[in-house]
Amino acid sequence: MITLSDIRYTNRRFEGAVVLPSHDGPLTYRCRVDGPASLDPIHVKSALLGHARRQRIRTA
């Protein structure tokens, strides 16, 4: 199960923890997305998940 937690806005970006499932156990990533505080929460979550997927591909 994919989990997003600790999402917060700091200065000009959103930061959060994303946990992705894998065969070797869960993988945890700290992700950041630039944008205004008024950004739609759905877009923030989607961008954080995209950032985590890109990190996962780089470490695979």
N, C-alpha and C. Protein backbone atom coordinates (compact mmCIF):
# COMPACT_ATOMS: atom_id res chain seq x y z
N MET A 1 0.83 -1.17 0.00
CA MET A 1 0.00 0.00 0.00
C MET A 1 0.89 1.25 0.00
N ILE A 2 0.58 2.18 -0.85
CA ILE A 2 1.32 3.44 -0.93
C ILE A 2 0.81 4.37 0.17
N THR A 3 1.75 4.97 0.90
CA THR A 3 1.39 5.85 2.00
C THR A 3 2.06 7.21 1.83
N LEU A 4 1.28 8.26 2.00
CA LEU A 4 1.79 9.63 2.02
C LEU A 4 1.60 10.16 3.43
N SER A 5 2.64 10.70 4.02
CA SER A 5 2.49 11.23 5.37
C SER A 5 3.36 12.46 5.57
N ASP A 6 3.07 13.17 6.62
CA ASP A 6 3.86 14.33 7.02
C ASP A 6 4.00 15.36 5.90
N ILE A 7 2.91 15.59 5.17
CA ILE A 7 2.93 16.58 4.09
C ILE A 7 2.78 17.97 4.71
N ARG A 8 3.72 18.84 4.39
CA ARG A 8 3.68 20.20 4.93
C ARG A 8 4.26 21.18 3.91
N TYR A 9 3.88 22.43 4.08
CA TYR A 9 4.36 23.49 3.21
C TYR A 9 5.46 24.24 3.93
N THR A 10 6.63 24.35 3.30
CA THR A 10 7.76 25.06 3.89
C THR A 10 8.29 26.06 2.86
N ASN A 11 8.19 27.31 3.18
CA ASN A 11 8.68 28.40 2.33
C ASN A 11 7.98 28.38 0.98
N ARG A 12 8.57 27.78 -0.05
CA ARG A 12 7.96 27.77 -1.38
C ARG A 12 7.77 26.36 -1.91
N ARG A 13 7.71 25.38 -1.04
CA ARG A 13 7.57 24.00 -1.52
C ARG A 13 6.82 23.14 -0.52
N PHE A 14 6.32 22.05 -1.03
CA PHE A 14 5.69 21.03 -0.20
C PHE A 14 6.71 19.92 0.02
N GLU A 15 6.72 19.36 1.22
CA GLU A 15 7.59 18.24 1.54
C GLU A 15 6.73 17.16 2.17
N GLY A 16 7.11 15.91 1.94
CA GLY A 16 6.36 14.82 2.54
C GLY A 16 7.13 13.52 2.44
N ALA A 17 6.66 12.55 3.20
CA ALA A 17 7.23 11.21 3.18
C ALA A 17 6.32 10.31 2.34
N VAL A 18 6.93 9.53 1.46
CA VAL A 18 6.18 8.59 0.63
C VAL A 18 6.76 7.21 0.87
N VAL A 19 5.87 6.25 1.16
CA VAL A 19 6.29 4.86 1.36
C VAL A 19 5.71 4.04 0.22
N LEU A 20 6.60 3.41 -0.55
CA LEU A 20 6.20 2.57 -1.67
C LEU A 20 6.47 1.11 -1.35
N PRO A 21 5.55 0.22 -1.71
CA PRO A 21 5.78 -1.20 -1.47
C PRO A 21 6.79 -1.76 -2.47
N SER A 22 7.51 -2.79 -2.06
CA SER A 22 8.41 -3.50 -2.96
C SER A 22 8.52 -4.94 -2.48
N HIS A 23 9.14 -5.79 -3.28
CA HIS A 23 9.30 -7.19 -2.90
C HIS A 23 10.26 -7.34 -1.73
N ASP A 24 11.15 -6.38 -1.55
CA ASP A 24 12.14 -6.44 -0.47
C ASP A 24 11.71 -5.67 0.78
N GLY A 25 10.46 -5.26 0.83
CA GLY A 25 9.97 -4.47 1.96
C GLY A 25 9.67 -3.05 1.53
N PRO A 26 9.05 -2.27 2.38
CA PRO A 26 8.68 -0.90 2.00
C PRO A 26 9.89 0.01 1.82
N LEU A 27 9.78 0.89 0.84
CA LEU A 27 10.82 1.88 0.55
C LEU A 27 10.29 3.25 0.93
N THR A 28 11.03 4.00 1.72
CA THR A 28 10.61 5.31 2.18
C THR A 28 11.44 6.40 1.50
N TYR A 29 10.75 7.42 0.99
CA TYR A 29 11.42 8.53 0.32
C TYR A 29 10.93 9.84 0.92
N ARG A 30 11.85 10.80 1.04
CA ARG A 30 11.50 12.18 1.40
C ARG A 30 11.40 12.93 0.08
N CYS A 31 10.25 13.49 -0.20
CA CYS A 31 10.01 14.13 -1.49
C CYS A 31 9.68 15.60 -1.31
N ARG A 32 10.01 16.37 -2.36
CA ARG A 32 9.75 17.81 -2.36
C ARG A 32 9.13 18.21 -3.69
N VAL A 33 8.20 19.16 -3.61
CA VAL A 33 7.55 19.68 -4.81
C VAL A 33 7.45 21.19 -4.66
N ASP A 34 7.97 21.92 -5.63
CA ASP A 34 7.87 23.38 -5.61
C ASP A 34 6.47 23.81 -6.05
N GLY A 35 5.97 24.86 -5.42
CA GLY A 35 4.67 25.38 -5.81
C GLY A 35 4.10 26.29 -4.74
N PRO A 36 3.05 27.04 -5.10
CA PRO A 36 2.44 27.95 -4.14
C PRO A 36 1.61 27.19 -3.10
N ALA A 37 1.37 27.83 -1.98
CA ALA A 37 0.59 27.20 -0.91
C ALA A 37 -0.85 26.93 -1.36
N SER A 38 -1.32 27.64 -2.36
CA SER A 38 -2.69 27.47 -2.84
C SER A 38 -2.86 26.29 -3.80
N LEU A 39 -1.80 25.55 -4.06
CA LEU A 39 -1.86 24.42 -4.98
C LEU A 39 -2.87 23.39 -4.49
N ASP A 40 -3.64 22.82 -5.41
CA ASP A 40 -4.67 21.82 -5.09
C ASP A 40 -4.02 20.60 -4.43
N PRO A 41 -4.55 20.13 -3.31
CA PRO A 41 -3.96 18.97 -2.61
C PRO A 41 -3.82 17.72 -3.49
N ILE A 42 -4.74 17.52 -4.42
CA ILE A 42 -4.64 16.36 -5.32
C ILE A 42 -3.39 16.48 -6.18
N HIS A 43 -3.09 17.69 -6.67
CA HIS A 43 -1.90 17.89 -7.49
C HIS A 43 -0.63 17.73 -6.65
N VAL A 44 -0.68 18.16 -5.40
CA VAL A 44 0.48 17.99 -4.52
C VAL A 44 0.77 16.51 -4.31
N LYS A 45 -0.26 15.73 -4.00
CA LYS A 45 -0.08 14.29 -3.78
C LYS A 45 0.43 13.60 -5.04
N SER A 46 -0.13 13.96 -6.18
CA SER A 46 0.31 13.37 -7.45
C SER A 46 1.77 13.69 -7.73
N ALA A 47 2.17 14.93 -7.49
CA ALA A 47 3.56 15.33 -7.73
C ALA A 47 4.51 14.63 -6.77
N LEU A 48 4.11 14.49 -5.49
CA LEU A 48 4.96 13.78 -4.53
C LEU A 48 5.13 12.32 -4.92
N LEU A 49 4.06 11.68 -5.38
CA LEU A 49 4.16 10.29 -5.83
C LEU A 49 5.06 10.17 -7.06
N GLY A 50 4.95 11.12 -7.98
CA GLY A 50 5.82 11.12 -9.16
C GLY A 50 7.28 11.27 -8.78
N HIS A 51 7.55 12.13 -7.81
CA HIS A 51 8.92 12.32 -7.34
C HIS A 51 9.46 11.03 -6.72
N ALA A 52 8.63 10.35 -5.93
CA ALA A 52 9.05 9.08 -5.32
C ALA A 52 9.30 8.01 -6.38
N ARG A 53 8.46 7.96 -7.40
CA ARG A 53 8.67 6.97 -8.48
C ARG A 53 9.98 7.22 -9.20
N ARG A 54 10.29 8.49 -9.47
CA ARG A 54 11.55 8.81 -10.14
C ARG A 54 12.74 8.43 -9.26
N GLN A 55 12.65 8.66 -7.95
CA GLN A 55 13.73 8.26 -7.04
C GLN A 55 13.88 6.74 -7.03
N ARG A 56 12.77 6.03 -7.06
CA ARG A 56 12.81 4.56 -7.04
C ARG A 56 13.49 4.02 -8.29
N ILE A 57 13.18 4.62 -9.43
CA ILE A 57 13.79 4.17 -10.69
C ILE A 57 15.30 4.41 -10.67
N ARG A 58 15.74 5.55 -10.11
CA ARG A 58 17.17 5.85 -10.05
C ARG A 58 17.93 4.90 -9.13
N THR A 59 17.28 4.41 -8.07
CA THR A 59 17.96 3.54 -7.11
C THR A 59 17.84 2.07 -7.48
N ALA A 60 17.01 1.75 -8.48
CA ALA A 60 16.81 0.34 -8.86
C ALA A 60 17.95 -0.17 -9.71
